[in-house]
PDB file of N, CA and C in Angstrom:
ATOM      1  N   MET A   1      90.031  84.553 -45.382  1.00  0.00           N
ATOM      2  CA  MET A   1      90.010  85.924 -45.430  1.00  0.00           C
ATOM      3  C   MET A   1      90.409  86.302 -47.014  1.00  0.00           C
ATOM      4  N   TRP A   2      91.494  86.277 -47.378  1.00  0.00           N
ATOM      5  CA  TRP A   2      91.692  87.029 -49.355  1.00  0.00           C
ATOM      6  C   TRP A   2      90.154  86.887 -49.935  1.00  0.00           C
ATOM      7  N   ALA A   3      89.756  85.141 -50.070  1.00  0.00           N
ATOM      8  CA  ALA A   3      88.835  84.947 -50.977  1.00  0.00           C
ATOM      9  C   ALA A   3      87.392  85.841 -50.323  1.00  0.00           C
ATOM     10  N   LEU A   4      87.141  86.266 -49.278  1.00  0.00           N
ATOM     11  CA  LEU A   4      86.510  87.432 -48.966  1.00  0.00           C
ATOM     12  C   LEU A   4      86.629  88.621 -49.221  1.00  0.00           C
ATOM     13  N   ILE A   5      87.695  89.350 -49.331  1.00  0.00           N
ATOM     14  CA  ILE A   5      88.028  90.832 -50.260  1.00  0.00           C
ATOM     15  C   ILE A   5      88.290  90.298 -51.764  1.00  0.00           C
ATOM     16  N   VAL A   6      88.452  89.507 -52.387  1.00  0.00           N
ATOM     17  CA  VAL A   6      88.624  88.646 -53.668  1.00  0.00           C
ATOM     18  C   VAL A   6      86.829  88.986 -54.002  1.00  0.00           C
ATOM     19  N   ALA A   7      86.063  88.417 -53.423  1.00  0.00           N
ATOM     20  CA  ALA A   7      84.736  88.366 -53.738  1.00  0.00           C
ATOM     21  C   ALA A   7      84.011  89.435 -53.825  1.00  0.00           C
ATOM     22  N   VAL A   8      84.279  89.945 -52.593  1.00  0.00           N
ATOM     23  CA  VAL A   8      83.820  91.625 -52.919  1.00  0.00           C
ATOM     24  C   VAL A   8      84.599  92.686 -53.617  1.00  0.00           C
ATOM     25  N   VAL A   9      85.535  92.520 -53.928  1.00  0.00           N
ATOM     26  CA  VAL A   9      86.109  93.361 -55.280  1.00  0.00           C
ATOM     27  C   VAL A   9      85.249  93.076 -56.538  1.00  0.00           C
ATOM     28  N   LEU A  10      84.744  91.806 -56.486  1.00  0.00           N
ATOM     29  CA  LEU A  10      84.387  90.770 -57.918  1.00  0.00           C
ATOM     30  C   LEU A  10      82.964  91.607 -58.018  1.00  0.00           C
ATOM     31  N   ILE A  11      82.027  91.408 -56.634  1.00  0.00           N
ATOM     32  CA  ILE A  11      80.921  92.112 -56.619  1.00  0.00           C
ATOM     33  C   ILE A  11      80.627  93.629 -56.752  1.00  0.00           C
ATOM     34  N   VAL A  12      81.857  94.297 -56.513  1.00  0.00           N
ATOM     35  CA  VAL A  12      81.832  95.963 -56.504  1.00  0.00           C
ATOM     36  C   VAL A  12      81.490  95.693 -58.155  1.00  0.00           C
ATOM     37  N   PHE A  13      82.524  95.343 -59.254  1.00  0.00           N
ATOM     38  CA  PHE A  13      83.384  95.353 -59.936  1.00  0.00           C
ATOM     39  C   PHE A  13      81.857  95.065 -61.187  1.00  0.00           C
ATOM     40  N   VAL A  14      81.131  93.743 -60.726  1.00  0.00           N
ATOM     41  CA  VAL A  14      80.387  93.666 -61.474  1.00  0.00           C
ATOM     42  C   VAL A  14      78.845  94.553 -61.207  1.00  0.00           C
ATOM     43  N   LEU A  15      78.605  95.399 -60.638  1.00  0.00           N
ATOM     44  CA  LEU A  15      77.440  96.194 -60.090  1.00  0.00           C
ATOM     45  C   LEU A  15      78.301  97.480 -60.730  1.00  0.00           C
ATOM     46  N   SER A  16      79.439  97.719 -61.056  1.00  0.00           N
ATOM     47  CA  SER A  16      80.043  99.064 -61.553  1.00  0.00           C
ATOM     48  C   SER A  16      79.690  98.519 -62.950  1.00  0.00           C
ATOM     49  N   VAL A  17      79.816  97.534 -63.864  1.00  0.00           N
ATOM     50  CA  VAL A  17      79.772  97.427 -65.362  1.00  0.00           C
ATOM     51  C   VAL A  17      78.074  97.221 -65.535  1.00  0.00           C
ATOM     52  N   ALA A  18      77.360  96.956 -64.379  1.00  0.00           N
ATOM     53  CA  ALA A  18      76.109  96.887 -64.729  1.00  0.00           C
ATOM     54  C   ALA A  18      75.575  98.526 -64.985  1.00  0.00           C
ATOM     55  N   LEU A  19      75.811  99.043 -64.038  1.00  0.00           N
ATOM     56  CA  LEU A  19      75.263 100.510 -64.171  1.00  0.00           C
ATOM     57  C   LEU A  19      75.775 101.328 -65.164  1.00  0.00           C
ATOM     58  N   VAL A  20      77.040 101.171 -65.507  1.00  0.00           N
ATOM     59  CA  VAL A  20      77.468 102.020 -66.442  1.00  0.00           C
ATOM     60  C   VAL A  20      76.880 101.311 -68.331  1.00  0.00           C
ATOM     61  N   ALA A  21      76.382 100.266 -68.098  1.00  0.00           N
ATOM     62  CA  ALA A  21      76.412  99.313 -69.530  1.00  0.00           C
ATOM     63  C   ALA A  21      74.891 100.036 -69.152  1.00  0.00           C
ATOM     64  N   ARG A  22      73.961 100.137 -68.323  1.00  0.00           N
ATOM     65  CA  ARG A  22      72.424 100.844 -67.612  1.00  0.00           C
ATOM     66  C   ARG A  22      72.481 102.224 -68.585  1.00  0.00           C
ATOM     67  N   TRP A  23      73.529 102.928 -67.792  1.00  0.00           N
ATOM     68  CA  TRP A  23      73.853 104.588 -68.510  1.00  0.00           C
ATOM     69  C   TRP A  23      73.899 104.437 -69.754  1.00  0.00           C
ATOM     70  N   TRP A  24      74.772 103.855 -70.562  1.00  0.00           N
ATOM     71  CA  TRP A  24      75.417 103.868 -71.790  1.00  0.00           C
ATOM     72  C   TRP A  24      74.298 103.355 -72.818  1.00  0.00           C
ATOM     73  N   THR A  25      73.353 102.773 -72.393  1.00  0.00           N
ATOM     74  CA  THR A  25      71.955 102.294 -73.347  1.00  0.00           C
ATOM     75  C   THR A  25      71.489 103.433 -73.647  1.00  0.00           C
ATOM     76  N   TRP A  26      71.378 104.288 -73.185  1.00  0.00           N
ATOM     77  CA  TRP A  26      70.059 105.619 -73.441  1.00  0.00           C
ATOM     78  C   TRP A  26      71.135 106.408 -73.735  1.00  0.00           C
ATOM     79  N   LYS A  27      72.137 106.545 -73.402  1.00  0.00           N
ATOM     80  CA  LYS A  27      73.412 107.819 -73.818  1.00  0.00           C
ATOM     81  C   LYS A  27      73.357 108.021 -75.250  1.00  0.00           C
ATOM     82  N   PRO A  28      73.249 106.841 -76.651  1.00  0.00           N
ATOM     83  CA  PRO A  28      73.607 107.607 -77.407  1.00  0.00           C
ATOM     84  C   PRO A  28      72.446 108.440 -78.192  1.00  0.00           C
ATOM     85  N   VAL A  29      71.194 108.253 -77.525  1.00  0.00           N
ATOM     86  CA  VAL A  29      70.015 108.810 -77.888  1.00  0.00           C
ATOM     87  C   VAL A  29      69.837 110.038 -77.664  1.00  0.00           C
ATOM     88  N   ILE A  30      70.417 110.574 -77.196  1.00  0.00           N
ATOM     89  CA  ILE A  30      70.648 112.058 -76.266  1.00  0.00           C
ATOM     90  C   ILE A  30      71.145 113.217 -77.624  1.00  0.00           C
ATOM     91  N   LYS A  31      69.963 114.490 -77.656  1.00  0.00           N
ATOM     92  CA  LYS A  31      69.972 114.995 -79.022  1.00  0.00           C
ATOM     93  C   LYS A  31      69.700 114.422 -80.098  1.00  0.00           C
ATOM     94  N   GLN A  32      68.898 113.940 -79.784  1.00  0.00           N
ATOM     95  CA  GLN A  32      68.126 112.861 -81.405  1.00  0.00           C
ATOM     96  C   GLN A  32      66.558 112.827 -81.480  1.00  0.00           C
ATOM     97  N   ARG A  33      66.067 113.458 -82.696  1.00  0.00           N
ATOM     98  CA  ARG A  33      64.462 113.460 -82.650  1.00  0.00           C
ATOM     99  C   ARG A  33      64.489 112.005 -82.519  1.00  0.00           C
ATOM    100  N   VAL A  34      62.776 111.357 -82.139  1.00  0.00           N
ATOM    101  CA  VAL A  34      62.702 110.370 -81.615  1.00  0.00           C
ATOM    102  C   VAL A  34      60.880 110.010 -81.755  1.00  0.00           C
ATOM    103  N   LEU A  35      60.611 108.937 -81.257  1.00  0.00           N
ATOM    104  CA  LEU A  35      58.814 108.808 -81.504  1.00  0.00           C
ATOM    105  C   LEU A  35      59.220 107.970 -80.700  1.00  0.00           C
ATOM    106  N   VAL A  36      58.420 108.205 -79.626  1.00  0.00           N
ATOM    107  CA  VAL A  36      57.762 107.733 -78.380  1.00  0.00           C
ATOM    108  C   VAL A  36      56.887 107.149 -78.051  1.00  0.00           C
ATOM    109  N   GLN A  37      56.265 105.567 -77.483  1.00  0.00           N
ATOM    110  CA  GLN A  37      54.916 105.512 -77.601  1.00  0.00           C
ATOM    111  C   GLN A  37      55.123 105.672 -76.243  1.00  0.00           C
ATOM    112  N   THR A  38      53.881 105.734 -75.743  1.00  0.00           N
ATOM    113  CA  THR A  38      53.861 105.119 -73.704  1.00  0.00           C
ATOM    114  C   THR A  38      52.810 104.014 -73.769  1.00  0.00           C
ATOM    115  N   ASP A  39      53.233 103.687 -72.467  1.00  0.00           N
ATOM    116  CA  ASP A  39      51.541 102.335 -72.606  1.00  0.00           C
ATOM    117  C   ASP A  39      50.281 103.163 -72.208  1.00  0.00           C
ATOM    118  N   PHE A  40      50.427 104.485 -72.199  1.00  0.00           N
ATOM    119  CA  PHE A  40      48.625 104.993 -71.898  1.00  0.00           C
ATOM    120  C   PHE A  40      48.308 105.524 -73.380  1.00  0.00           C
ATOM    121  N   ASP A  41      48.672 104.884 -74.539  1.00  0.00           N
ATOM    122  CA  ASP A  41      48.365 105.275 -76.191  1.00  0.00           C
ATOM    123  C   ASP A  41      48.537 106.734 -76.231  1.00  0.00           C
ATOM    124  N   VAL A  42      49.649 107.237 -75.648  1.00  0.00           N
ATOM    125  CA  VAL A  42      49.856 107.967 -76.435  1.00  0.00           C
ATOM    126  C   VAL A  42      51.429 108.850 -76.629  1.00  0.00           C
ATOM    127  N   THR A  43      51.411 109.453 -77.703  1.00  0.00           N
ATOM    128  CA  THR A  43      52.661 109.082 -78.690  1.00  0.00           C
ATOM    129  C   THR A  43      53.489 110.715 -78.280  1.00  0.00           C
ATOM    130  N   PHE A  44      54.559 110.879 -78.678  1.00  0.00           N
ATOM    131  CA  PHE A  44      55.578 112.016 -78.575  1.00  0.00           C
ATOM    132  C   PHE A  44      56.546 111.909 -79.300  1.00  0.00           C
ATOM    133  N   SER A  45      56.804 113.021 -80.287  1.00  0.00           N
ATOM    134  CA  SER A  45      57.589 112.568 -81.256  1.00  0.00           C
ATOM    135  C   SER A  45      58.375 114.644 -80.868  1.00  0.00           C
ATOM    136  N   GLY A  46      59.786 114.302 -80.339  1.00  0.00           N
ATOM    137  CA  GLY A  46      60.813 115.314 -80.199  1.00  0.00           C
ATOM    138  C   GLY A  46      61.771 114.844 -79.972  1.00  0.00           C
ATOM    139  N   VAL A  47      62.331 115.790 -79.570  1.00  0.00           N
ATOM    140  CA  VAL A  47      64.257 115.655 -78.945  1.00  0.00           C
ATOM    141  C   VAL A  47      64.534 115.032 -78.035  1.00  0.00           C
ATOM    142  N   ILE A  48      65.097 114.065 -77.723  1.00  0.00           N
ATOM    143  CA  ILE A  48      65.247 113.964 -76.369  1.00  0.00           C
ATOM    144  C   ILE A  48      66.617 115.078 -75.807  1.00  0.00           C
ATOM    145  N   LEU A  49      66.158 115.483 -74.806  1.00  0.00           N
ATOM    146  CA  LEU A  49      67.418 116.704 -74.404  1.00  0.00           C
ATOM    147  C   LEU A  49      68.178 116.313 -73.407  1.00  0.00           C
ATOM    148  N   SER A  50      67.333 115.638 -71.765  1.00  0.00           N
ATOM    149  CA  SER A  50      68.582 114.786 -71.116  1.00  0.00           C
ATOM    150  C   SER A  50      67.694 113.639 -70.871  1.00  0.00           C
ATOM    151  N   ARG A  51      68.292 112.478 -69.956  1.00  0.00           N
ATOM    152  CA  ARG A  51      68.175 111.160 -69.171  1.00  0.00           C
ATOM    153  C   ARG A  51      68.064 111.835 -67.784  1.00  0.00           C
ATOM    154  N   ARG A  52      67.220 112.014 -66.890  1.00  0.00           N
ATOM    155  CA  ARG A  52      67.450 112.618 -65.486  1.00  0.00           C
ATOM    156  C   ARG A  52      66.503 111.106 -64.361  1.00  0.00           C
ATOM    157  N   GLY A  53      67.427 110.166 -63.995  1.00  0.00           N
ATOM    158  CA  GLY A  53      67.112 109.153 -63.608  1.00  0.00           C
ATOM    159  C   GLY A  53      66.166 108.350 -64.270  1.00  0.00           C
ATOM    160  N   GLN A  54      65.161 108.280 -63.906  1.00  0.00           N
ATOM    161  CA  GLN A  54      63.707 107.667 -65.128  1.00  0.00           C
ATOM    162  C   GLN A  54      63.306 108.196 -65.589  1.00  0.00           C
ATOM    163  N   LEU A  55      63.615 109.811 -65.962  1.00  0.00           N
ATOM    164  CA  LEU A  55      62.876 110.752 -66.926  1.00  0.00           C
ATOM    165  C   LEU A  55      63.573 110.954 -68.429  1.00  0.00           C
ATOM    166  N   LEU A  56      62.214 111.025 -68.868  1.00  0.00           N
ATOM    167  CA  LEU A  56      63.261 111.272 -70.151  1.00  0.00           C
ATOM    168  C   LEU A  56      62.580 112.787 -70.597  1.00  0.00           C
ATOM    169  N   VAL A  57      63.815 113.997 -70.664  1.00  0.00           N
ATOM    170  CA  VAL A  57      63.300 115.022 -70.932  1.00  0.00           C
ATOM    171  C   VAL A  57      63.077 115.693 -72.761  1.00  0.00           C
ATOM    172  N   LEU A  58      61.983 116.180 -73.191  1.00  0.00           N
ATOM    173  CA  LEU A  58      61.703 116.223 -74.737  1.00  0.00           C
ATOM    174  C   LEU A  58      61.826 117.470 -74.814  1.00  0.00           C
ATOM    175  N   GLY A  59      62.503 118.216 -75.645  1.00  0.00           N
ATOM    176  CA  GLY A  59      61.943 119.440 -76.388  1.00  0.00           C
ATOM    177  C   GLY A  59      61.614 119.026 -77.859  1.00  0.00           C
ATOM    178  N   ASP A  60      60.788 120.418 -78.406  1.00  0.00           N
ATOM    179  CA  ASP A  60      59.854 120.402 -79.710  1.00  0.00           C
ATOM    180  C   ASP A  60      59.542 119.337 -79.929  1.00  0.00           C
ATOM    181  N   VAL A  61      58.389 119.189 -79.118  1.00  0.00           N
ATOM    182  CA  VAL A  61      57.247 118.151 -79.244  1.00  0.00           C
ATOM    183  C   VAL A  61      56.276 118.113 -79.994  1.00  0.00           C
ATOM    184  N   THR A  62      55.195 116.919 -80.394  1.00  0.00           N
ATOM    185  CA  THR A  62      54.464 117.025 -80.971  1.00  0.00           C
ATOM    186  C   THR A  62      53.650 115.843 -80.456  1.00  0.00           C
ATOM    187  N   VAL A  63      52.159 116.427 -79.641  1.00  0.00           N
ATOM    188  CA  VAL A  63      51.474 115.258 -78.700  1.00  0.00           C
ATOM    189  C   VAL A  63      50.480 114.375 -79.556  1.00  0.00           C
ATOM    190  N   GLY A  64      50.464 113.292 -79.778  1.00  0.00           N
ATOM    191  CA  GLY A  64      49.537 112.652 -80.496  1.00  0.00           C
ATOM    192  C   GLY A  64      48.990 111.944 -79.379  1.00  0.00           C
ATOM    193  N   VAL A  65      47.442 111.735 -79.850  1.00  0.00           N
ATOM    194  CA  VAL A  65      46.469 110.295 -79.131  1.00  0.00           C
ATOM    195  C   VAL A  65      45.795 109.860 -79.854  1.00  0.00           C
ATOM    196  N   ALA A  66      45.854 108.799 -79.696  1.00  0.00           N
ATOM    197  CA  ALA A  66      45.343 107.371 -80.363  1.00  0.00           C
ATOM    198  C   ALA A  66      43.876 107.897 -80.384  1.00  0.00           C
ATOM    199  N   GLY A  67      43.688 107.724 -82.319  1.00  0.00           N
ATOM    200  CA  GLY A  67      42.495 108.118 -82.765  1.00  0.00           C
ATOM    201  C   GLY A  67      41.785 109.804 -82.976  1.00  0.00           C
ATOM    202  N   GLY A  68      43.081 110.418 -82.729  1.00  0.00           N
ATOM    203  CA  GLY A  68      43.150 111.706 -82.250  1.00  0.00           C
ATOM    204  C   GLY A  68      44.240 112.496 -83.591  1.00  0.00           C
ATOM    205  N   ASP A  69      43.829 113.998 -83.748  1.00  0.00           N
ATOM    206  CA  ASP A  69      44.891 114.902 -84.350  1.00  0.00           C
ATOM    207  C   ASP A  69      46.495 114.718 -82.928  1.00  0.00           C
ATOM    208  N   SER A  70      47.340 115.232 -83.939  1.00  0.00           N
ATOM    209  CA  SER A  70      48.520 115.616 -82.936  1.00  0.00           C
ATOM    210  C   SER A  70      48.343 116.946 -82.634  1.00  0.00           C
ATOM    211  N   ARG A  71      49.222 118.032 -81.711  1.00  0.00           N
ATOM    212  CA  ARG A  71      49.284 119.057 -81.205  1.00  0.00           C
ATOM    213  C   ARG A  71      50.441 119.434 -81.031  1.00  0.00           C
ATOM    214  N   ARG A  72      51.269 120.572 -80.901  1.00  0.00           N
ATOM    215  CA  ARG A  72      52.288 120.789 -80.589  1.00  0.00           C
ATOM    216  C   ARG A  72      52.368 121.405 -79.033  1.00  0.00           C
ATOM    217  N   ALA A  73      53.126 120.802 -78.072  1.00  0.00           N
ATOM    218  CA  ALA A  73      53.380 121.128 -76.894  1.00  0.00           C
ATOM    219  C   ALA A  73      54.353 122.534 -76.787  1.00  0.00           C
ATOM    220  N   ASP A  74      54.495 123.136 -75.964  1.00  0.00           N
ATOM    221  CA  ASP A  74      54.676 124.424 -74.933  1.00  0.00           C
ATOM    222  C   ASP A  74      55.595 124.098 -74.364  1.00  0.00           C
ATOM    223  N   GLY A  75      56.978 124.293 -74.453  1.00  0.00           N
ATOM    224  CA  GLY A  75      58.361 123.973 -73.490  1.00  0.00           C
ATOM    225  C   GLY A  75      58.506 122.508 -73.247  1.00  0.00           C
ATOM    226  N   VAL A  76      59.376 121.786 -72.800  1.00  0.00           N
ATOM    227  CA  VAL A  76      59.229 120.963 -72.657  1.00  0.00           C
ATOM    228  C   VAL A  76      58.410 119.789 -71.609  1.00  0.00           C
ATOM    229  N   VAL A  77      58.577 118.536 -72.504  1.00  0.00           N
ATOM    230  CA  VAL A  77      57.589 117.227 -71.957  1.00  0.00           C
ATOM    231  C   VAL A  77      58.594 116.005 -71.609  1.00  0.00           C
ATOM    232  N   ILE A  78      58.094 115.781 -69.700  1.00  0.00           N
ATOM    233  CA  ILE A  78      58.891 114.815 -69.593  1.00  0.00           C
ATOM    234  C   ILE A  78      58.325 113.411 -69.557  1.00  0.00           C
ATOM    235  N   VAL A  79      58.793 112.243 -70.058  1.00  0.00           N
ATOM    236  CA  VAL A  79      58.157 111.359 -70.033  1.00  0.00           C
ATOM    237  C   VAL A  79      58.670 110.435 -69.197  1.00  0.00           C
ATOM    238  N   GLU A  80      58.164 109.534 -68.136  1.00  0.00           N
ATOM    239  CA  GLU A  80      59.336 108.716 -67.227  1.00  0.00           C
ATOM    240  C   GLU A  80      59.283 107.180 -67.686  1.00  0.00           C
ATOM    241  N   ARG A  81      60.339 107.110 -67.591  1.00  0.00           N
ATOM    242  CA  ARG A  81      60.807 105.960 -68.672  1.00  0.00           C
ATOM    243  C   ARG A  81      59.913 104.566 -68.614  1.00  0.00           C
ATOM    244  N   ALA A  82      59.869 104.241 -67.485  1.00  0.00           N
ATOM    245  CA  ALA A  82      58.848 102.820 -67.188  1.00  0.00           C
ATOM    246  C   ALA A  82      57.185 102.997 -68.030  1.00  0.00           C
ATOM    247  N   ARG A  83      56.969 104.454 -68.615  1.00  0.00           N
ATOM    248  CA  ARG A  83      55.607 104.200 -69.158  1.00  0.00           C
ATOM    249  C   ARG A  83      55.821 104.418 -70.712  1.00  0.00           C
ATOM    250  N   VAL A  84      57.243 103.894 -71.210  1.00  0.00           N
ATOM    251  CA  VAL A  84      57.020 103.879 -72.358  1.00  0.00           C
ATOM    252  C   VAL A  84      57.159 102.609 -72.992  1.00  0.00           C
ATOM    253  N   THR A  85      56.592 102.246 -74.171  1.00  0.00           N
ATOM    254  CA  THR A  85      56.379 101.076 -74.632  1.00  0.00           C
ATOM    255  C   THR A  85      57.298 101.227 -75.424  1.00  0.00           C
ATOM    256  N   TRP A  86      58.007 101.784 -76.547  1.00  0.00           N
ATOM    257  CA  TRP A  86      58.858 101.386 -77.587  1.00  0.00           C
ATOM    258  C   TRP A  86      58.864 102.854 -78.099  1.00  0.00           C
ATOM    259  N   MET A  87      60.200 103.119 -78.563  1.00  0.00           N
ATOM    260  CA  MET A  87      61.150 104.685 -78.645  1.00  0.00           C
ATOM    261  C   MET A  87      61.418 104.012 -80.400  1.00  0.00           C
ATOM    262  N   GLN A  88      61.639 104.884 -81.388  1.00  0.00           N
ATOM    263  CA  GLN A  88      61.849 104.932 -82.360  1.00  0.00           C
ATOM    264  C   GLN A  88      62.988 105.872 -82.368  1.00  0.00           C
ATOM    265  N   VAL A  89      63.902 106.522 -83.026  1.00  0.00           N
ATOM    266  CA  VAL A  89      65.071 107.352 -83.418  1.00  0.00           C
ATOM    267  C   VAL A  89      64.593 107.246 -84.582  1.00  0.00           C
ATOM    268  N   ALA A  90      64.656 108.637 -84.919  1.00  0.00           N
ATOM    269  CA  ALA A  90      64.391 109.061 -86.180  1.00  0.00           C
ATOM    270  C   ALA A  90      65.184 109.382 -87.166  1.00  0.00           C
TER     271      ALA A  90
END
């Protein structure tokens, strides 16, 4: 019985650490200017305002398309984190 309780507590602890580590990996880039490349060949240069689940909220954004010129976007741009190929902190 004690082994089962210890196993459950250990599993809960490991899952908690994994969730905190996942959250913390994106937290330091909040409020910093970044260049985000997506998997559909669009780049976004802007400031990460927040991270909402699987979404990045960018402000002050310039949108660039492969082979084209860049345009300034009005308002905020929301990018799915699953679509991000790479991100560079400027």
